[in-house]
N, C-alpha and C. Protein backbone atom coordinates (compact mmCIF):
# COMPACT_ATOMS: atom_id res chain seq x y z
N UNK A 1 -5.08 18.23 -13.03
CA UNK A 1 -6.20 17.30 -13.07
C UNK A 1 -7.48 18.09 -12.81
N UNK A 2 -8.49 17.92 -13.66
CA UNK A 2 -9.75 18.63 -13.45
C UNK A 2 -10.42 18.20 -12.15
N UNK A 3 -11.24 19.10 -11.65
CA UNK A 3 -11.94 18.86 -10.37
C UNK A 3 -12.83 17.62 -10.44
N UNK A 4 -13.54 17.42 -11.53
CA UNK A 4 -14.42 16.26 -11.69
C UNK A 4 -13.62 14.96 -11.63
N UNK A 5 -12.43 14.94 -12.22
CA UNK A 5 -11.59 13.75 -12.20
C UNK A 5 -11.11 13.45 -10.78
N UNK A 6 -10.80 14.49 -10.02
CA UNK A 6 -10.37 14.29 -8.63
C UNK A 6 -11.50 13.69 -7.79
N UNK A 7 -12.72 14.19 -7.98
CA UNK A 7 -13.87 13.68 -7.23
C UNK A 7 -14.14 12.23 -7.61
N UNK A 8 -14.06 11.92 -8.91
CA UNK A 8 -14.29 10.55 -9.36
C UNK A 8 -13.22 9.61 -8.81
N UNK A 9 -11.98 10.05 -8.81
CA UNK A 9 -10.89 9.21 -8.28
C UNK A 9 -11.07 8.99 -6.78
N UNK A 10 -11.48 10.00 -6.07
CA UNK A 10 -11.71 9.86 -4.63
C UNK A 10 -12.87 8.91 -4.36
N UNK A 11 -13.92 8.98 -5.18
CA UNK A 11 -15.07 8.10 -5.00
C UNK A 11 -14.69 6.65 -5.29
N UNK A 12 -13.83 6.43 -6.31
CA UNK A 12 -13.40 5.07 -6.64
C UNK A 12 -12.49 4.49 -5.57
N UNK A 13 -11.67 5.31 -4.96
CA UNK A 13 -10.72 4.80 -3.97
C UNK A 13 -11.38 4.52 -2.62
N UNK A 14 -12.53 5.10 -2.34
CA UNK A 14 -13.21 4.90 -1.06
C UNK A 14 -14.23 3.78 -1.20
N UNK A 15 -13.74 2.54 -1.31
CA UNK A 15 -14.64 1.42 -1.50
C UNK A 15 -14.97 0.70 -0.21
N UNK A 16 -14.22 0.90 0.85
CA UNK A 16 -14.47 0.20 2.10
C UNK A 16 -14.98 1.17 3.15
N UNK A 17 -15.83 0.67 4.02
CA UNK A 17 -16.32 1.48 5.11
C UNK A 17 -16.58 0.58 6.29
N UNK A 18 -16.87 1.16 7.42
CA UNK A 18 -17.14 0.39 8.62
C UNK A 18 -16.33 0.91 9.79
N UNK A 19 -16.41 0.22 10.95
CA UNK A 19 -15.76 0.72 12.14
C UNK A 19 -14.24 0.64 12.09
N UNK A 20 -13.67 -0.17 11.19
CA UNK A 20 -12.22 -0.29 11.12
C UNK A 20 -11.59 0.68 10.15
N UNK A 21 -12.40 1.33 9.32
CA UNK A 21 -11.90 2.25 8.31
C UNK A 21 -12.24 3.66 8.75
N UNK A 22 -11.26 4.59 8.73
CA UNK A 22 -11.53 5.96 9.17
C UNK A 22 -12.65 6.61 8.37
N UNK A 23 -13.44 7.42 9.03
CA UNK A 23 -14.55 8.12 8.41
C UNK A 23 -14.02 9.38 7.73
N UNK A 24 -14.48 9.63 6.52
CA UNK A 24 -14.05 10.81 5.79
C UNK A 24 -14.62 12.06 6.46
N UNK A 25 -13.94 13.15 6.35
CA UNK A 25 -14.47 14.39 6.89
C UNK A 25 -13.59 14.99 7.97
N UNK A 26 -12.36 14.58 8.06
CA UNK A 26 -11.46 15.21 9.02
C UNK A 26 -11.08 14.28 10.14
N UNK A 27 -9.96 14.55 10.77
CA UNK A 27 -9.47 13.67 11.82
C UNK A 27 -10.35 13.67 13.07
N UNK A 28 -10.96 14.81 13.40
CA UNK A 28 -11.80 14.86 14.59
C UNK A 28 -13.05 14.01 14.42
N UNK A 29 -13.68 14.09 13.26
CA UNK A 29 -14.87 13.30 13.00
C UNK A 29 -14.56 11.82 12.98
N UNK A 30 -13.43 11.45 12.41
CA UNK A 30 -13.04 10.03 12.34
C UNK A 30 -12.76 9.49 13.73
N UNK A 31 -12.06 10.24 14.54
CA UNK A 31 -11.73 9.78 15.88
C UNK A 31 -12.99 9.66 16.74
N UNK A 32 -13.89 10.63 16.61
CA UNK A 32 -15.12 10.59 17.40
C UNK A 32 -16.01 9.42 16.98
N UNK A 33 -16.15 9.19 15.69
CA UNK A 33 -16.97 8.07 15.21
C UNK A 33 -16.35 6.73 15.60
N UNK A 34 -15.04 6.63 15.48
CA UNK A 34 -14.36 5.40 15.87
C UNK A 34 -14.49 5.14 17.35
N UNK A 35 -14.43 6.21 18.14
CA UNK A 35 -14.57 6.07 19.59
C UNK A 35 -15.95 5.57 19.97
N UNK A 36 -16.98 6.06 19.26
CA UNK A 36 -18.34 5.59 19.54
C UNK A 36 -18.48 4.10 19.27
N UNK A 37 -17.86 3.62 18.18
CA UNK A 37 -17.90 2.19 17.88
C UNK A 37 -17.19 1.38 18.97
N UNK A 38 -16.08 1.89 19.45
CA UNK A 38 -15.32 1.18 20.48
C UNK A 38 -16.09 1.14 21.80
N UNK A 39 -16.74 2.22 22.17
CA UNK A 39 -17.55 2.24 23.39
C UNK A 39 -18.74 1.29 23.24
N UNK A 40 -19.36 1.29 22.06
CA UNK A 40 -20.48 0.36 21.82
C UNK A 40 -20.00 -1.09 21.94
N UNK A 41 -18.81 -1.38 21.44
CA UNK A 41 -18.25 -2.72 21.57
C UNK A 41 -18.02 -3.10 23.02
N UNK A 42 -17.55 -2.15 23.83
CA UNK A 42 -17.33 -2.42 25.25
C UNK A 42 -18.67 -2.66 25.97
N UNK A 43 -19.70 -1.93 25.58
CA UNK A 43 -21.02 -2.13 26.17
C UNK A 43 -21.55 -3.52 25.83
N UNK A 44 -21.36 -3.95 24.60
CA UNK A 44 -21.81 -5.30 24.20
C UNK A 44 -21.01 -6.35 24.97
N UNK A 45 -19.71 -6.13 25.16
CA UNK A 45 -18.90 -7.07 25.95
C UNK A 45 -19.41 -7.13 27.39
N UNK A 46 -19.77 -5.99 27.95
CA UNK A 46 -20.29 -5.96 29.33
C UNK A 46 -21.61 -6.74 29.41
N UNK A 47 -22.47 -6.58 28.42
CA UNK A 47 -23.73 -7.33 28.39
C UNK A 47 -23.46 -8.83 28.28
N UNK A 48 -22.44 -9.21 27.54
CA UNK A 48 -22.07 -10.62 27.41
C UNK A 48 -21.60 -11.18 28.74
N UNK A 49 -20.79 -10.41 29.46
CA UNK A 49 -20.31 -10.85 30.77
C UNK A 49 -21.49 -11.04 31.73
N UNK A 50 -22.38 -10.08 31.77
CA UNK A 50 -23.53 -10.16 32.68
C UNK A 50 -24.41 -11.36 32.34
N UNK A 51 -24.72 -11.56 31.07
CA UNK A 51 -25.58 -12.67 30.69
C UNK A 51 -24.89 -14.02 30.93
N UNK A 52 -23.59 -14.10 30.71
CA UNK A 52 -22.86 -15.34 30.97
C UNK A 52 -22.85 -15.68 32.46
N UNK A 53 -22.62 -14.67 33.28
CA UNK A 53 -22.61 -14.91 34.73
C UNK A 53 -24.01 -15.26 35.25
N UNK A 54 -25.02 -14.65 34.68
CA UNK A 54 -26.40 -14.97 35.07
C UNK A 54 -26.74 -16.41 34.69
N UNK A 55 -26.38 -16.83 33.49
CA UNK A 55 -26.64 -18.20 33.06
C UNK A 55 -25.88 -19.19 33.94
N UNK A 56 -24.65 -18.85 34.28
CA UNK A 56 -23.85 -19.72 35.14
C UNK A 56 -24.48 -19.84 36.52
N UNK A 57 -24.93 -18.74 37.09
CA UNK A 57 -25.56 -18.77 38.41
C UNK A 57 -26.86 -19.58 38.40
N UNK A 58 -27.64 -19.44 37.34
CA UNK A 58 -28.88 -20.20 37.25
C UNK A 58 -28.62 -21.70 37.14
N UNK A 59 -27.60 -22.07 36.37
CA UNK A 59 -27.30 -23.49 36.23
C UNK A 59 -26.75 -24.10 37.51
N UNK A 60 -25.90 -23.36 38.21
CA UNK A 60 -25.30 -23.89 39.43
C UNK A 60 -26.34 -24.02 40.54
N UNK A 61 -27.29 -23.13 40.59
CA UNK A 61 -28.28 -23.16 41.67
C UNK A 61 -29.51 -24.00 41.32
N UNK A 62 -29.53 -24.61 40.15
CA UNK A 62 -30.71 -25.37 39.72
C UNK A 62 -30.84 -26.68 40.49
N UNK A 63 -32.03 -26.91 40.99
CA UNK A 63 -32.37 -28.19 41.61
C UNK A 63 -33.87 -28.39 41.48
N UNK A 64 -34.29 -29.64 41.61
CA UNK A 64 -35.69 -29.95 41.43
C UNK A 64 -36.09 -31.04 42.41
N UNK A 65 -37.29 -30.91 42.96
CA UNK A 65 -37.83 -31.90 43.89
C UNK A 65 -39.19 -32.35 43.38
N UNK A 66 -39.51 -33.59 43.65
CA UNK A 66 -40.81 -34.11 43.25
C UNK A 66 -41.05 -35.47 43.89
N UNK A 67 -42.18 -36.05 43.57
CA UNK A 67 -42.52 -37.36 44.10
C UNK A 67 -43.00 -38.24 42.97
N UNK A 68 -42.67 -39.51 43.07
CA UNK A 68 -43.10 -40.48 42.09
C UNK A 68 -44.01 -41.48 42.79
N UNK A 69 -45.21 -41.64 42.26
CA UNK A 69 -46.17 -42.58 42.84
C UNK A 69 -46.09 -43.87 42.03
N UNK A 70 -45.63 -44.96 42.70
CA UNK A 70 -45.45 -46.23 42.02
C UNK A 70 -46.09 -47.33 42.85
N UNK A 71 -47.17 -47.90 42.36
CA UNK A 71 -47.91 -48.98 43.04
C UNK A 71 -48.32 -48.59 44.46
N UNK A 72 -48.75 -47.35 44.62
CA UNK A 72 -49.21 -46.88 45.91
C UNK A 72 -48.10 -46.35 46.81
N UNK A 73 -46.88 -46.49 46.41
CA UNK A 73 -45.76 -45.97 47.20
C UNK A 73 -45.35 -44.60 46.67
N UNK A 74 -45.10 -43.69 47.57
CA UNK A 74 -44.62 -42.36 47.20
C UNK A 74 -43.09 -42.34 47.35
N UNK A 75 -42.41 -42.15 46.25
CA UNK A 75 -40.95 -42.10 46.27
C UNK A 75 -40.49 -40.66 46.04
N UNK A 76 -39.73 -40.10 46.98
CA UNK A 76 -39.24 -38.74 46.78
C UNK A 76 -38.13 -38.72 45.72
N UNK A 77 -38.17 -37.74 44.88
CA UNK A 77 -37.15 -37.54 43.84
C UNK A 77 -36.46 -36.21 44.09
N UNK A 78 -35.18 -36.22 43.88
CA UNK A 78 -34.39 -35.00 44.08
C UNK A 78 -33.31 -34.98 43.00
N UNK A 79 -33.16 -33.87 42.33
CA UNK A 79 -32.09 -33.74 41.33
C UNK A 79 -31.38 -32.40 41.53
N UNK A 80 -30.11 -32.44 41.26
CA UNK A 80 -29.27 -31.24 41.36
C UNK A 80 -28.34 -31.25 40.16
N UNK A 81 -27.83 -30.09 39.78
CA UNK A 81 -27.02 -30.00 38.58
C UNK A 81 -25.78 -30.88 38.65
N UNK A 82 -25.25 -31.12 39.82
CA UNK A 82 -24.02 -31.90 39.91
C UNK A 82 -24.24 -33.39 39.69
N UNK A 83 -25.50 -33.81 39.55
CA UNK A 83 -25.78 -35.22 39.30
C UNK A 83 -25.67 -35.57 37.81
N UNK A 84 -25.55 -34.61 36.97
CA UNK A 84 -25.53 -34.84 35.52
C UNK A 84 -24.19 -34.45 34.93
N UNK A 85 -23.54 -35.39 34.25
CA UNK A 85 -22.25 -35.10 33.62
C UNK A 85 -22.37 -34.05 32.52
N UNK A 86 -23.45 -34.12 31.74
CA UNK A 86 -23.61 -33.17 30.65
C UNK A 86 -23.84 -31.75 31.17
N UNK A 87 -24.57 -31.61 32.28
CA UNK A 87 -24.78 -30.28 32.84
C UNK A 87 -23.51 -29.76 33.49
N UNK A 88 -22.70 -30.64 34.05
CA UNK A 88 -21.40 -30.22 34.58
C UNK A 88 -20.53 -29.67 33.46
N UNK A 89 -20.55 -30.33 32.30
CA UNK A 89 -19.81 -29.85 31.13
C UNK A 89 -20.32 -28.48 30.71
N UNK A 90 -21.63 -28.32 30.66
CA UNK A 90 -22.23 -27.04 30.26
C UNK A 90 -21.86 -25.92 31.24
N UNK A 91 -21.82 -26.23 32.52
CA UNK A 91 -21.42 -25.24 33.52
C UNK A 91 -19.95 -24.85 33.30
N UNK A 92 -19.10 -25.83 33.01
CA UNK A 92 -17.69 -25.53 32.74
C UNK A 92 -17.51 -24.65 31.52
N UNK A 93 -18.23 -24.95 30.45
CA UNK A 93 -18.16 -24.14 29.23
C UNK A 93 -18.68 -22.73 29.50
N UNK A 94 -19.76 -22.62 30.25
CA UNK A 94 -20.31 -21.29 30.58
C UNK A 94 -19.32 -20.48 31.42
N UNK A 95 -18.61 -21.14 32.31
CA UNK A 95 -17.59 -20.45 33.10
C UNK A 95 -16.45 -19.96 32.21
N UNK A 96 -16.06 -20.78 31.23
CA UNK A 96 -15.01 -20.36 30.29
C UNK A 96 -15.46 -19.17 29.45
N UNK A 97 -16.72 -19.18 29.02
CA UNK A 97 -17.27 -18.06 28.24
C UNK A 97 -17.28 -16.79 29.09
N UNK A 98 -17.69 -16.90 30.34
CA UNK A 98 -17.72 -15.73 31.22
C UNK A 98 -16.30 -15.19 31.44
N UNK A 99 -15.34 -16.08 31.63
CA UNK A 99 -13.95 -15.65 31.84
C UNK A 99 -13.39 -14.97 30.59
N UNK A 100 -13.65 -15.54 29.41
CA UNK A 100 -13.17 -14.94 28.16
C UNK A 100 -13.81 -13.58 27.93
N UNK A 101 -15.11 -13.49 28.17
CA UNK A 101 -15.80 -12.21 27.98
C UNK A 101 -15.28 -11.15 28.94
N UNK A 102 -15.03 -11.54 30.18
CA UNK A 102 -14.50 -10.60 31.17
C UNK A 102 -13.11 -10.13 30.77
N UNK A 103 -12.27 -11.05 30.31
CA UNK A 103 -10.92 -10.67 29.88
C UNK A 103 -10.97 -9.70 28.71
N UNK A 104 -11.81 -9.98 27.71
CA UNK A 104 -11.93 -9.09 26.56
C UNK A 104 -12.49 -7.72 26.97
N UNK A 105 -13.42 -7.71 27.91
CA UNK A 105 -13.97 -6.44 28.40
C UNK A 105 -12.90 -5.62 29.11
N UNK A 106 -12.12 -6.26 29.97
CA UNK A 106 -11.06 -5.54 30.69
C UNK A 106 -10.01 -4.99 29.73
N UNK A 107 -9.65 -5.77 28.71
CA UNK A 107 -8.69 -5.27 27.72
C UNK A 107 -9.25 -4.08 26.94
N UNK A 108 -10.53 -4.15 26.58
CA UNK A 108 -11.15 -3.05 25.84
C UNK A 108 -11.24 -1.80 26.71
N UNK A 109 -11.60 -1.95 27.98
CA UNK A 109 -11.70 -0.79 28.88
C UNK A 109 -10.32 -0.17 29.08
N UNK A 110 -9.30 -1.01 29.24
CA UNK A 110 -7.94 -0.50 29.42
C UNK A 110 -7.51 0.35 28.22
N UNK A 111 -7.80 -0.13 27.02
CA UNK A 111 -7.44 0.63 25.82
C UNK A 111 -8.29 1.89 25.68
N UNK A 112 -9.56 1.84 26.07
CA UNK A 112 -10.40 3.03 26.01
C UNK A 112 -9.90 4.10 26.97
N UNK A 113 -9.47 3.69 28.17
CA UNK A 113 -8.96 4.65 29.15
C UNK A 113 -7.66 5.29 28.66
N UNK A 114 -6.82 4.50 28.01
CA UNK A 114 -5.55 5.02 27.48
C UNK A 114 -5.75 5.81 26.19
N UNK A 115 -6.98 5.81 25.69
CA UNK A 115 -7.33 6.48 24.43
C UNK A 115 -6.57 5.88 23.25
N UNK A 116 -6.27 4.60 23.35
CA UNK A 116 -5.65 3.86 22.25
C UNK A 116 -6.75 3.12 21.49
N UNK A 117 -6.51 2.80 20.23
CA UNK A 117 -7.54 2.05 19.49
C UNK A 117 -7.74 0.66 20.10
N UNK A 118 -8.99 0.28 20.30
CA UNK A 118 -9.30 -1.03 20.87
C UNK A 118 -8.93 -2.11 19.87
N UNK A 119 -9.20 -1.87 18.60
CA UNK A 119 -8.84 -2.80 17.53
C UNK A 119 -7.88 -2.05 16.60
N UNK A 120 -6.56 -2.23 16.80
CA UNK A 120 -5.60 -1.42 16.05
C UNK A 120 -5.43 -1.82 14.59
N UNK A 121 -5.79 -3.04 14.21
CA UNK A 121 -5.58 -3.46 12.82
C UNK A 121 -6.65 -4.47 12.42
N UNK A 122 -6.72 -4.69 11.13
CA UNK A 122 -7.65 -5.67 10.60
C UNK A 122 -7.30 -7.08 11.08
N UNK A 123 -6.02 -7.38 11.15
CA UNK A 123 -5.58 -8.69 11.61
C UNK A 123 -6.03 -8.93 13.06
N UNK A 124 -5.89 -7.91 13.88
CA UNK A 124 -6.32 -8.01 15.27
C UNK A 124 -7.84 -8.22 15.35
N UNK A 125 -8.58 -7.55 14.49
CA UNK A 125 -10.04 -7.72 14.46
C UNK A 125 -10.41 -9.16 14.10
N UNK A 126 -9.70 -9.75 13.15
CA UNK A 126 -9.96 -11.13 12.77
C UNK A 126 -9.62 -12.10 13.90
N UNK A 127 -8.56 -11.82 14.64
CA UNK A 127 -8.19 -12.68 15.76
C UNK A 127 -9.28 -12.64 16.84
N UNK A 128 -9.77 -11.45 17.15
CA UNK A 128 -10.84 -11.32 18.14
C UNK A 128 -12.11 -12.02 17.64
N UNK A 129 -12.43 -11.84 16.36
CA UNK A 129 -13.60 -12.50 15.79
C UNK A 129 -13.47 -14.02 15.89
N UNK A 130 -12.31 -14.56 15.54
CA UNK A 130 -12.10 -16.01 15.60
C UNK A 130 -12.21 -16.50 17.05
N UNK A 131 -11.66 -15.75 17.99
CA UNK A 131 -11.78 -16.13 19.40
C UNK A 131 -13.22 -16.14 19.87
N UNK A 132 -14.00 -15.19 19.42
CA UNK A 132 -15.42 -15.16 19.79
C UNK A 132 -16.16 -16.35 19.19
N UNK A 133 -15.81 -16.74 17.98
CA UNK A 133 -16.48 -17.88 17.35
C UNK A 133 -16.13 -19.19 18.05
N UNK A 134 -14.89 -19.35 18.43
CA UNK A 134 -14.48 -20.55 19.16
C UNK A 134 -15.18 -20.60 20.50
N UNK A 135 -15.32 -19.45 21.14
CA UNK A 135 -15.98 -19.37 22.44
C UNK A 135 -17.44 -19.80 22.34
N UNK A 136 -18.09 -19.48 21.22
CA UNK A 136 -19.50 -19.81 21.04
C UNK A 136 -19.68 -21.32 20.89
N UNK A 137 -18.73 -21.95 20.20
CA UNK A 137 -18.85 -23.39 19.96
C UNK A 137 -18.68 -24.11 21.26
């Protein structure tokens, strides 16, 4: 097979790219590039955990005080997050998001420490993606 035909065949066969597909250029380059993607994913998971816990803490500690003046009478008003059913639901959902994010972060860190692929297959990537979408809803 002529050299030009080999190059053309290689170019046609390499139609997919991204963090789940090995990078051309040798096993060391592919492993290093894949590792960078996995570490970046763990950093994003850590940021998700921190932001979820921060939102949860802000919602749980939220309270408001004020006064209502009605026909010359001053009525004190006080509200706390536990007085609202919808905010209780939101706090529960935020706690579930924080727990899911923490679990995914711990699993990713465990695989990074073992030097195993964090996302071993395309099917596993789709499962994680679907879980993240359900968590958002």
